[in-house]
Amino acid sequence: MPRPKRITATTRKAPLRKSVGTKTVRYDVATQLRTSKEMAAYLDAYLEAWLVEAPDDISGIARALGDIARACGMSKVARQTGLSRESLYKALSADGNPSFATVMKVANAVGVRFHASAA
């Protein structure tokens, strides 16, 4: 009597599993900033870290303000500052170079103030 064929991993015809990949999404801090206290704490923490880690990165302050402006609603901030929404997105981006007046207008519109202290 013939021996039955031995089933091994190479001869078994098992259905292939669908590979389940990891879906990633881009993190946006603006979705986490809900209150003015959270926004002020975010800006304060950013400024403290910025002074130590990257003091030459001037656009960092603009990016942090851009995160806060997006959390408040860029259209609302544009109305309050008198600037266009598009120019705010550009000025507060990583490649932006906003004037000090723009930075102060945005800070005022989102309800945060800068504070200076002795080093």
C-alpha atoms as a PDB file:
ATOM      1  CA  MET A   1       0.000   0.000   0.000  1.00  0.00           C
ATOM      2  CA  PRO A   2       1.464   3.394  -0.980  1.00  0.00           C
ATOM      3  CA  ARG A   3       2.237   5.794   1.781  1.00  0.00           C
ATOM      4  CA  PRO A   4       0.153   8.969   1.813  1.00  0.00           C
ATOM      5  CA  LYS A   5       1.945  12.045   0.602  1.00  0.00           C
ATOM      6  CA  ARG A   6       3.349  14.033   3.452  1.00  0.00           C
ATOM      7  CA  ILE A   7       2.102  17.609   3.664  1.00  0.00           C
ATOM      8  CA  THR A   8       4.805  20.143   4.403  1.00  0.00           C
ATOM      9  CA  ALA A   9       4.948  23.893   4.449  1.00  0.00           C
ATOM     10  CA  THR A  10       6.145  23.931   0.855  1.00  0.00           C
ATOM     11  CA  THR A  11       3.493  21.580  -0.516  1.00  0.00           C
ATOM     12  CA  ARG A  12       0.468  22.771   1.467  1.00  0.00           C
ATOM     13  CA  LYS A  13      -1.889  25.009  -0.462  1.00  0.00           C
ATOM     14  CA  ALA A  14      -2.995  27.295   2.312  1.00  0.00           C
ATOM     15  CA  PRO A  15      -4.833  30.476   1.442  1.00  0.00           C
ATOM     16  CA  LEU A  16      -2.567  33.519   1.473  1.00  0.00           C
ATOM     17  CA  ARG A  17      -3.182  36.038   4.189  1.00  0.00           C
ATOM     18  CA  LYS A  18      -3.760  39.589   3.244  1.00  0.00           C
ATOM     19  CA  SER A  19      -0.970  41.598   4.709  1.00  0.00           C
ATOM     20  CA  VAL A  20      -2.303  44.210   7.014  1.00  0.00           C
ATOM     21  CA  GLY A  21      -0.112  47.296   6.766  1.00  0.00           C
ATOM     22  CA  THR A  22       0.197  50.016   9.289  1.00  0.00           C
ATOM     23  CA  LYS A  23      -1.659  53.125   8.323  1.00  0.00           C
ATOM     24  CA  THR A  24       0.073  56.292   9.406  1.00  0.00           C
ATOM     25  CA  VAL A  25      -1.279  59.782   9.519  1.00  0.00           C
ATOM     26  CA  ARG A  26       0.588  63.033   9.786  1.00  0.00           C
ATOM     27  CA  TYR A  27       0.528  64.452  13.299  1.00  0.00           C
ATOM     28  CA  ASP A  28      -0.795  67.988  13.532  1.00  0.00           C
ATOM     29  CA  VAL A  29      -0.355  69.708  16.876  1.00  0.00           C
ATOM     30  CA  ALA A  30      -3.071  72.202  15.935  1.00  0.00           C
ATOM     31  CA  THR A  31      -5.694  69.514  16.558  1.00  0.00           C
ATOM     32  CA  GLN A  32      -4.500  69.196  20.170  1.00  0.00           C
ATOM     33  CA  LEU A  33      -4.555  72.908  21.039  1.00  0.00           C
ATOM     34  CA  ARG A  34      -8.066  73.568  22.293  1.00  0.00           C
ATOM     35  CA  THR A  35      -7.860  76.296  24.930  1.00  0.00           C
ATOM     36  CA  SER A  36      -5.940  79.534  25.191  1.00  0.00           C
ATOM     37  CA  LYS A  37      -4.025  78.104  28.159  1.00  0.00           C
ATOM     38  CA  GLU A  38      -2.898  75.125  26.071  1.00  0.00           C
ATOM     39  CA  MET A  39      -1.859  77.472  23.267  1.00  0.00           C
ATOM     40  CA  ALA A  40       0.122  79.679  25.619  1.00  0.00           C
ATOM     41  CA  ALA A  41       1.766  76.656  27.252  1.00  0.00           C
ATOM     42  CA  TYR A  42       2.684  75.261  23.815  1.00  0.00           C
ATOM     43  CA  LEU A  43       4.257  78.553  22.730  1.00  0.00           C
ATOM     44  CA  ASP A  44       6.078  78.926  26.054  1.00  0.00           C
ATOM     45  CA  ALA A  45       7.471  75.386  25.887  1.00  0.00           C
ATOM     46  CA  TYR A  46       8.447  75.893  22.266  1.00  0.00           C
ATOM     47  CA  LEU A  47      10.276  79.132  23.040  1.00  0.00           C
ATOM     48  CA  GLU A  48      12.178  77.568  25.937  1.00  0.00           C
ATOM     49  CA  ALA A  49      13.279  74.614  23.820  1.00  0.00           C
ATOM     50  CA  TRP A  50      14.003  76.852  20.835  1.00  0.00           C
ATOM     51  CA  LEU A  51      16.381  79.081  22.799  1.00  0.00           C
ATOM     52  CA  VAL A  52      18.407  76.067  23.926  1.00  0.00           C
ATOM     53  CA  GLU A  53      18.290  73.758  20.899  1.00  0.00           C
ATOM     54  CA  ALA A  54      18.023  75.979  17.811  1.00  0.00           C
ATOM     55  CA  PRO A  55      18.480  79.681  18.564  1.00  0.00           C
ATOM     56  CA  ASP A  56      19.447  80.351  14.939  1.00  0.00           C
ATOM     57  CA  ASP A  57      16.170  78.949  13.589  1.00  0.00           C
ATOM     58  CA  ILE A  58      14.188  82.181  13.353  1.00  0.00           C
ATOM     59  CA  SER A  59      11.329  80.585  11.425  1.00  0.00           C
ATOM     60  CA  GLY A  60      10.595  78.331  14.413  1.00  0.00           C
ATOM     61  CA  ILE A  61       8.594  81.015  16.205  1.00  0.00           C
ATOM     62  CA  ALA A  62       6.568  81.596  13.066  1.00  0.00           C
ATOM     63  CA  ARG A  63       5.839  77.857  12.752  1.00  0.00           C
ATOM     64  CA  ALA A  64       4.710  77.667  16.378  1.00  0.00           C
ATOM     65  CA  LEU A  65       2.437  80.668  15.871  1.00  0.00           C
ATOM     66  CA  GLY A  66       1.180  79.031  12.675  1.00  0.00           C
ATOM     67  CA  ASP A  67       0.217  75.916  14.653  1.00  0.00           C
ATOM     68  CA  ILE A  68      -1.702  78.079  17.114  1.00  0.00           C
ATOM     69  CA  ALA A  69      -3.328  80.104  14.313  1.00  0.00           C
ATOM     70  CA  ARG A  70      -4.514  76.891  12.621  1.00  0.00           C
ATOM     71  CA  ALA A  71      -5.950  75.721  15.938  1.00  0.00           C
ATOM     72  CA  CYS A  72      -7.896  78.985  16.248  1.00  0.00           C
ATOM     73  CA  GLY A  73      -8.944  78.940  12.619  1.00  0.00           C
ATOM     74  CA  MET A  74      -6.825  80.658  10.002  1.00  0.00           C
ATOM     75  CA  SER A  75      -9.802  82.523   8.497  1.00  0.00           C
ATOM     76  CA  LYS A  76     -10.683  84.004  11.874  1.00  0.00           C
ATOM     77  CA  VAL A  77      -7.067  85.032  12.494  1.00  0.00           C
ATOM     78  CA  ALA A  78      -6.892  86.558   9.004  1.00  0.00           C
ATOM     79  CA  ARG A  79      -9.973  88.684   9.691  1.00  0.00           C
ATOM     80  CA  GLN A  80      -8.602  89.853  13.040  1.00  0.00           C
ATOM     81  CA  THR A  81      -5.170  90.726  11.665  1.00  0.00           C
ATOM     82  CA  GLY A  82      -6.364  92.302   8.427  1.00  0.00           C
ATOM     83  CA  LEU A  83      -4.103  89.982   6.425  1.00  0.00           C
ATOM     84  CA  SER A  84      -5.151  87.441   3.824  1.00  0.00           C
ATOM     85  CA  ARG A  85      -5.388  83.807   4.790  1.00  0.00           C
ATOM     86  CA  GLU A  86      -2.939  82.849   2.036  1.00  0.00           C
ATOM     87  CA  SER A  87      -0.328  85.350   3.207  1.00  0.00           C
ATOM     88  CA  LEU A  88      -0.660  84.052   6.772  1.00  0.00           C
ATOM     89  CA  TYR A  89      -0.140  80.456   5.649  1.00  0.00           C
ATOM     90  CA  LYS A  90       2.942  81.549   3.719  1.00  0.00           C
ATOM     91  CA  ALA A  91       4.378  83.754   6.475  1.00  0.00           C
ATOM     92  CA  LEU A  92       3.796  81.173   9.220  1.00  0.00           C
ATOM     93  CA  SER A  93       5.193  78.206   7.293  1.00  0.00           C
ATOM     94  CA  ALA A  94       8.624  76.610   7.609  1.00  0.00           C
ATOM     95  CA  ASP A  95       9.862  78.710   4.682  1.00  0.00           C
ATOM     96  CA  GLY A  96       8.112  81.888   5.785  1.00  0.00           C
ATOM     97  CA  ASN A  97       9.826  85.047   6.892  1.00  0.00           C
ATOM     98  CA  PRO A  98       7.165  87.151   8.636  1.00  0.00           C
ATOM     99  CA  SER A  99       7.790  90.692   9.737  1.00  0.00           C
ATOM    100  CA  PHE A 100       7.760  91.473  13.433  1.00  0.00           C
ATOM    101  CA  ALA A 101       4.506  93.360  12.893  1.00  0.00           C
ATOM    102  CA  THR A 102       2.908  90.225  11.438  1.00  0.00           C
ATOM    103  CA  VAL A 103       4.135  88.109  14.352  1.00  0.00           C
ATOM    104  CA  MET A 104       2.680  90.592  16.846  1.00  0.00           C
ATOM    105  CA  LYS A 105      -0.640  90.852  14.968  1.00  0.00           C
ATOM    106  CA  VAL A 106      -1.000  87.065  14.953  1.00  0.00           C
ATOM    107  CA  ALA A 107      -0.006  86.763  18.617  1.00  0.00           C
ATOM    108  CA  ASN A 108      -2.608  89.383  19.524  1.00  0.00           C
ATOM    109  CA  ALA A 109      -5.275  87.708  17.369  1.00  0.00           C
ATOM    110  CA  VAL A 110      -4.763  84.278  18.935  1.00  0.00           C
ATOM    111  CA  GLY A 111      -4.591  85.699  22.446  1.00  0.00           C
ATOM    112  CA  VAL A 112      -0.988  85.038  23.449  1.00  0.00           C
ATOM    113  CA  ARG A 113       1.676  87.414  24.691  1.00  0.00           C
ATOM    114  CA  PHE A 114       5.422  87.215  24.671  1.00  0.00           C
ATOM    115  CA  HIS A 115       7.192  87.569  27.985  1.00  0.00           C
ATOM    116  CA  ALA A 116      10.797  88.581  28.519  1.00  0.00           C
ATOM    117  CA  SER A 117      12.896  87.735  31.546  1.00  0.00           C
ATOM    118  CA  ALA A 118      16.537  88.022  32.496  1.00  0.00           C
ATOM    119  CA  ALA A 119      18.731  85.177  31.306  1.00  0.00           C
END
